[in-house]
Amino acid sequence: MLNMKEIKKKYFERTDSWPKIILIYTVLILIAFLTTYPLLNVLSVSLRPGDQLFSMTLKLIPDNWTLENYRIALFEKDLLIWLKNSLIISLVTAAFGVVLSISAAYSFSRFRFWGRKSGMMIFLVTQMFPAPMLLLPMYILLVKLGLINQFLGLLIPYIATAVPFSVWNLKGYFDTVPKSLEESAYIDGCNVVQALIKIVLPLSTPAIAISFLFSFMTAWSEYIVARIILTNKKLLTLPVGLVNMQGQFATSWGIYSAAAIITSIPVIILFVSLSRYLVGGLTVGGVKE
C-alpha cells in the first residue's frame, strides 16, 4: 500500500498533471489573496495616522505607522468594558450550552424512549427559524420577567440557541463510542453518570471542543438580539459597541479598524487552540458504523 509521500511523488512525476497542478495552485493563491486582503487592509487602516487615513497607496504597512488608534480604542473608548461583557456572555453561553447538551445528547444516544426521534427532529427544526422571527415573542417574555438590560436576559436565548447544534454534534459522536466500554465500567461498579464522566467524555473531547467553539463564536458575534435586549452603554457587547462607534456624520475609521482587530483576537486565539479538534469533531460523529 502506497504511503502519502509515494502518492505525492507518483502524482508530481506525471507530466500530464503539471498543467492541472499549475491551474489548481493559481486558483488557490487567488482565493487566498481575495480572502486575506480585506483583513490586511483593515489592519493597515488601523496603523495609519490621521493624515494618511484615506491614502490611495497600496502599501499594507504605512510609512509612518502608529499604534495611536489602538491606544484610543482601548483607553479612551469603552472597548475594554464591551470586551469584558462579550467574554462573560460568550464563555457562560458556551459552558452552559455544552453541559446541557452533553446530558441531552447522551440520553438520545444511549437510551430508547418514547418521543426520542421526535425530540431530535424538534432540535433540528428549531435551527430553521431565523432569529428576527423570534424577536417579538422573546422580547415580550423578557419584559414580563424583568430581564431587559440584564446579562441573564441575553444568556437565556443564547444558551437556548446553542443547545440544538451541540446536541446533534455530540449525539453523533457518542454513537461512535463502543457501548462495550461502558458495560465494562458497569461491571467494575460504575453507575451511568460515572461511566459518562470517566469513559465517554474523555473519548469525546473533539466533539466537546467543537461544540464549545461554535457556541462561543455564535454568542461573540451576535448583534440583533443583543441590540434589542441591552441598551445600557456599560452592558453592551462588542458587536453592538462597534456599531455605536460609527458617528452619524463622520466615523474615525482608524479607531474603528483598531477596535475591529482587537475584537477578532480572542476568537482567533480560541480557534487556533482548538483547531486540531476541528476535523475530528465534525467528521467522526458523522461516520456510521
Protein backbone atom coordinates (compact mmCIF):
# COMPACT_ATOMS: atom_id res chain seq x y z
CA MET A 1 0.00 0.00 0.00
CA LEU A 2 1.40 3.39 -1.00
CA ASN A 3 2.04 5.96 1.70
CA MET A 4 1.38 9.67 1.28
CA LYS A 5 4.94 10.50 0.16
CA GLU A 6 4.87 7.84 -2.56
CA ILE A 7 1.48 9.04 -3.76
CA LYS A 8 2.71 12.64 -4.00
CA LYS A 9 5.89 11.54 -5.81
CA LYS A 10 3.93 9.45 -8.29
CA TYR A 11 1.44 12.28 -8.86
CA PHE A 12 4.04 15.01 -9.44
CA GLU A 13 6.12 12.80 -11.76
CA ARG A 14 3.23 12.60 -14.23
CA THR A 15 3.96 15.12 -16.98
CA ASP A 16 0.32 15.43 -17.96
CA SER A 17 -0.59 16.57 -14.45
CA TRP A 18 1.58 19.72 -14.38
CA PRO A 19 -0.91 21.99 -16.21
CA LYS A 20 -3.58 20.83 -13.81
CA ILE A 21 -1.29 21.45 -10.83
CA ILE A 22 -0.45 24.96 -12.04
CA LEU A 23 -4.14 25.76 -12.55
CA ILE A 24 -5.10 24.43 -9.12
CA TYR A 25 -2.39 26.39 -7.31
CA THR A 26 -3.22 29.55 -9.27
CA VAL A 27 -6.86 29.32 -8.22
CA LEU A 28 -5.89 28.59 -4.60
CA ILE A 29 -3.50 31.55 -4.48
CA LEU A 30 -6.18 33.84 -5.94
CA ILE A 31 -8.75 32.66 -3.40
CA ALA A 32 -6.24 33.14 -0.56
CA PHE A 33 -5.49 36.68 -1.76
CA LEU A 34 -9.16 37.63 -2.07
CA THR A 35 -9.79 36.24 1.42
CA THR A 36 -6.87 37.82 3.24
CA TYR A 37 -6.57 41.21 1.52
CA PRO A 38 -9.66 42.79 3.16
CA LEU A 39 -8.36 41.68 6.57
CA LEU A 40 -4.89 43.05 5.86
CA ASN A 41 -6.45 46.29 4.62
CA VAL A 42 -8.32 46.72 7.91
CA LEU A 43 -5.03 46.15 9.74
CA SER A 44 -3.37 48.74 7.50
CA VAL A 45 -6.07 51.34 8.20
CA SER A 46 -5.73 50.75 11.95
CA LEU A 47 -1.99 51.57 11.76
CA ARG A 48 -2.33 54.76 9.72
CA PRO A 49 -2.01 58.20 11.31
CA GLY A 50 -4.88 60.60 10.75
CA ASP A 51 -3.31 62.41 7.81
CA GLN A 52 -2.83 59.15 5.87
CA LEU A 53 -6.19 57.56 6.60
CA PHE A 54 -7.55 57.97 3.08
CA SER A 55 -4.26 57.41 1.29
CA MET A 56 -4.66 55.60 -2.04
CA THR A 57 -1.32 53.80 -1.77
CA LEU A 58 -1.32 50.01 -1.98
CA LYS A 59 1.16 49.68 0.90
CA LEU A 60 -0.28 47.49 3.63
CA ILE A 61 2.13 48.93 6.22
CA PRO A 62 2.10 52.76 6.05
CA ASP A 63 5.36 54.70 6.19
CA ASN A 64 4.62 56.46 9.48
CA TRP A 65 2.62 53.68 11.10
CA THR A 66 1.44 54.22 14.65
CA LEU A 67 -0.42 52.41 17.45
CA GLU A 68 -2.27 55.56 18.48
CA ASN A 69 -5.59 54.22 17.19
CA TYR A 70 -5.22 51.15 19.41
CA ARG A 71 -4.42 53.32 22.43
CA ILE A 72 -7.52 55.44 21.85
CA ALA A 73 -9.73 52.40 21.28
CA LEU A 74 -8.55 50.69 24.47
CA PHE A 75 -8.23 53.57 26.91
CA GLU A 76 -10.43 56.42 25.63
CA LYS A 77 -13.40 54.34 24.48
CA ASP A 78 -15.48 51.73 26.28
CA LEU A 79 -13.90 48.89 24.29
CA LEU A 80 -12.44 47.13 27.34
CA ILE A 81 -15.86 47.15 29.03
CA TRP A 82 -17.51 45.72 25.92
CA LEU A 83 -14.72 43.15 25.64
CA LYS A 84 -15.30 42.02 29.22
CA ASN A 85 -19.06 41.82 28.66
CA SER A 86 -18.64 39.74 25.50
CA LEU A 87 -16.16 37.39 27.17
CA ILE A 88 -18.51 36.79 30.11
CA ILE A 89 -21.57 36.21 27.93
CA SER A 90 -19.77 34.05 25.36
CA LEU A 91 -17.97 31.87 27.92
CA VAL A 92 -21.10 31.34 30.02
CA THR A 93 -23.15 30.58 26.89
CA ALA A 94 -20.60 28.05 25.61
CA ALA A 95 -20.10 26.40 29.02
CA PHE A 96 -23.79 26.03 29.90
CA GLY A 97 -24.70 25.10 26.33
CA VAL A 98 -22.15 22.27 26.28
CA VAL A 99 -23.07 20.98 29.77
CA LEU A 100 -26.79 20.87 28.97
CA SER A 101 -26.12 19.35 25.55
CA ILE A 102 -23.93 16.57 26.96
CA SER A 103 -26.71 15.19 29.15
CA ALA A 104 -29.32 15.51 26.39
CA ALA A 105 -27.08 14.05 23.68
CA TYR A 106 -26.08 11.10 25.89
CA SER A 107 -29.72 10.35 26.63
CA PHE A 108 -30.62 10.41 22.93
CA SER A 109 -27.61 8.24 22.09
CA ARG A 110 -27.82 5.55 24.76
CA PHE A 111 -31.46 5.25 25.84
CA ARG A 112 -34.56 4.23 23.93
CA PHE A 113 -37.71 6.07 24.98
CA TRP A 114 -40.98 7.32 23.53
CA GLY A 115 -40.53 10.54 21.53
CA ARG A 116 -36.80 10.04 21.02
CA LYS A 117 -36.84 10.56 17.24
CA SER A 118 -39.39 13.35 17.51
CA GLY A 119 -37.22 15.11 20.07
CA MET A 120 -34.19 15.02 17.79
CA MET A 121 -36.32 16.32 14.92
CA ILE A 122 -37.58 19.19 17.09
CA PHE A 123 -33.98 20.18 17.82
CA LEU A 124 -33.31 20.20 14.09
CA VAL A 125 -36.44 22.19 13.20
CA THR A 126 -35.62 24.92 15.73
CA GLN A 127 -32.44 25.64 13.78
CA MET A 128 -34.50 26.57 10.73
CA PHE A 129 -36.15 29.63 12.30
CA PRO A 130 -34.23 32.92 11.82
CA ALA A 131 -33.55 34.97 14.94
CA PRO A 132 -35.56 38.06 13.80
CA MET A 133 -38.68 35.87 13.56
CA LEU A 134 -38.48 35.14 17.30
CA LEU A 135 -37.56 38.63 18.48
CA LEU A 136 -41.06 39.90 19.33
CA PRO A 137 -42.26 36.96 21.48
CA MET A 138 -38.84 36.70 23.11
CA TYR A 139 -38.80 40.42 23.92
CA ILE A 140 -42.32 40.30 25.41
CA LEU A 141 -41.32 37.32 27.57
CA LEU A 142 -38.14 39.00 28.83
CA VAL A 143 -40.04 42.23 29.60
CA LYS A 144 -42.53 40.30 31.73
CA LEU A 145 -39.65 38.57 33.52
CA GLY A 146 -37.88 41.90 34.10
CA LEU A 147 -34.72 40.77 32.30
CA ILE A 148 -34.26 43.65 29.86
CA ASN A 149 -30.85 45.30 30.29
CA GLN A 150 -29.52 42.29 32.18
CA PHE A 151 -26.99 39.68 31.11
CA LEU A 152 -29.39 36.91 32.11
CA GLY A 153 -31.91 38.22 29.58
CA LEU A 154 -29.28 37.74 26.88
CA LEU A 155 -27.93 34.44 28.18
CA ILE A 156 -31.30 32.66 28.09
CA PRO A 157 -31.85 32.97 24.30
CA TYR A 158 -28.15 32.46 23.59
CA ILE A 159 -27.99 29.19 25.53
CA ALA A 160 -31.31 28.05 24.06
CA THR A 161 -29.99 28.53 20.53
CA ALA A 162 -26.62 26.93 21.32
CA VAL A 163 -28.10 23.65 22.59
CA PRO A 164 -29.65 22.19 19.36
CA PHE A 165 -26.43 22.20 17.31
CA SER A 166 -24.40 20.90 20.24
CA VAL A 167 -26.88 18.09 20.89
CA TRP A 168 -26.75 16.92 17.28
CA ASN A 169 -22.96 17.16 17.16
CA LEU A 170 -22.40 15.36 20.48
CA LYS A 171 -25.06 12.73 19.87
CA GLY A 172 -23.44 11.73 16.59
CA TYR A 173 -20.08 11.45 18.33
CA PHE A 174 -21.44 9.46 21.29
CA ASP A 175 -22.91 6.98 18.81
CA THR A 176 -19.38 6.08 17.69
CA VAL A 177 -18.16 5.29 21.22
CA PRO A 178 -18.45 1.50 21.75
CA LYS A 179 -21.04 0.59 24.36
CA SER A 180 -18.79 -2.25 25.50
CA LEU A 181 -16.54 0.29 27.21
CA GLU A 182 -19.43 1.49 29.37
CA GLU A 183 -20.56 -2.07 30.04
CA SER A 184 -17.08 -2.85 31.36
CA ALA A 185 -17.33 0.18 33.62
CA TYR A 186 -20.71 -1.04 34.93
CA ILE A 187 -19.13 -4.38 35.80
CA ASP A 188 -16.45 -2.53 37.77
CA GLY A 189 -19.16 -0.79 39.80
CA CYS A 190 -19.68 2.49 37.94
CA ASN A 191 -23.14 3.95 37.53
CA VAL A 192 -24.39 5.74 34.40
CA VAL A 193 -23.09 9.17 35.43
CA GLN A 194 -19.66 7.81 36.35
CA ALA A 195 -19.42 5.91 33.06
CA LEU A 196 -20.31 9.10 31.18
CA ILE A 197 -17.74 11.20 33.03
CA LYS A 198 -14.89 8.68 33.16
CA ILE A 199 -15.32 6.83 29.87
CA VAL A 200 -17.41 8.68 27.29
CA LEU A 201 -16.42 12.31 27.87
CA PRO A 202 -12.63 11.79 27.68
CA LEU A 203 -13.12 9.99 24.36
CA SER A 204 -15.41 12.76 23.09
CA THR A 205 -13.05 15.69 23.64
CA PRO A 206 -13.01 16.72 19.93
CA ALA A 207 -16.81 16.96 19.73
CA ILE A 208 -16.99 18.84 23.05
CA ALA A 209 -14.30 21.28 21.89
CA ILE A 210 -16.09 21.96 18.60
CA SER A 211 -19.44 22.46 20.32
CA PHE A 212 -17.79 24.90 22.74
CA LEU A 213 -16.06 26.75 19.88
CA PHE A 214 -19.20 27.16 17.76
CA SER A 215 -21.30 28.25 20.76
CA PHE A 216 -18.65 30.79 21.76
CA MET A 217 -18.28 32.21 18.25
CA THR A 218 -22.04 32.50 17.76
CA ALA A 219 -22.52 34.41 21.02
CA TRP A 220 -19.41 36.53 20.39
CA SER A 221 -20.58 37.81 17.00
CA GLU A 222 -24.36 38.01 17.58
CA TYR A 223 -25.79 41.51 17.09
CA ILE A 224 -29.57 41.60 16.60
CA VAL A 225 -30.70 40.09 19.91
CA ALA A 226 -28.05 41.97 21.90
CA ARG A 227 -29.15 45.22 20.28
CA ILE A 228 -32.74 44.68 21.43
CA ILE A 229 -32.05 43.36 24.94
CA LEU A 230 -29.20 45.65 26.03
CA THR A 231 -29.47 49.44 25.89
CA ASN A 232 -27.23 50.45 28.80
CA LYS A 233 -23.90 51.54 27.30
CA LYS A 234 -21.94 49.80 30.07
CA LEU A 235 -23.63 46.46 29.31
CA LEU A 236 -23.15 46.41 25.55
CA THR A 237 -21.37 43.57 23.80
CA LEU A 238 -18.65 44.16 21.21
CA PRO A 239 -20.80 43.93 18.04
CA VAL A 240 -23.26 46.50 19.40
CA GLY A 241 -20.48 48.67 20.79
CA LEU A 242 -18.65 48.72 17.46
CA VAL A 243 -21.79 49.89 15.68
CA ASN A 244 -22.18 52.66 18.27
CA MET A 245 -18.66 53.85 17.43
CA GLN A 246 -19.89 54.87 13.99
CA GLY A 247 -20.83 58.53 14.02
CA GLN A 248 -23.95 59.93 12.39
CA PHE A 249 -21.98 62.23 10.08
CA ALA A 250 -18.38 61.02 10.40
CA THR A 251 -16.57 57.93 11.65
CA SER A 252 -12.97 57.64 12.80
CA TRP A 253 -12.14 54.63 10.66
CA GLY A 254 -8.66 54.25 12.09
CA ILE A 255 -10.00 53.79 15.62
CA TYR A 256 -12.88 51.68 14.33
CA SER A 257 -10.47 49.38 12.46
CA ALA A 258 -8.25 49.05 15.53
CA ALA A 259 -11.28 48.08 17.61
CA ALA A 260 -12.29 45.52 14.99
CA ILE A 261 -8.82 43.95 15.06
CA ILE A 262 -8.89 43.76 18.87
CA THR A 263 -12.36 42.20 18.72
CA SER A 264 -11.13 39.38 16.49
CA ILE A 265 -8.13 38.42 18.65
CA PRO A 266 -9.94 36.28 21.29
CA VAL A 267 -11.79 34.30 18.60
CA ILE A 268 -8.56 33.72 16.66
CA ILE A 269 -6.79 32.50 19.81
CA LEU A 270 -9.63 30.13 20.68
CA PHE A 271 -9.92 28.88 17.09
CA VAL A 272 -6.18 28.19 16.80
CA SER A 273 -6.05 26.44 20.17
CA LEU A 274 -8.97 24.15 19.21
CA SER A 275 -8.17 23.77 15.51
CA ARG A 276 -6.66 20.31 15.97
CA TYR A 277 -10.10 19.11 17.06
CA LEU A 278 -11.94 20.77 14.15
CA VAL A 279 -11.83 18.00 11.55
CA GLY A 280 -12.23 15.17 14.04
CA GLY A 281 -15.07 16.83 15.91
CA LEU A 282 -17.10 17.45 12.77
CA THR A 283 -16.45 14.22 10.87
CA VAL A 284 -16.14 11.38 13.36
CA GLY A 285 -19.65 11.94 14.65
CA GLY A 286 -20.95 11.65 11.10
CA VAL A 287 -19.44 8.21 10.46
CA LYS A 288 -21.88 5.36 10.80
CA GLU A 289 -20.51 2.04 11.96
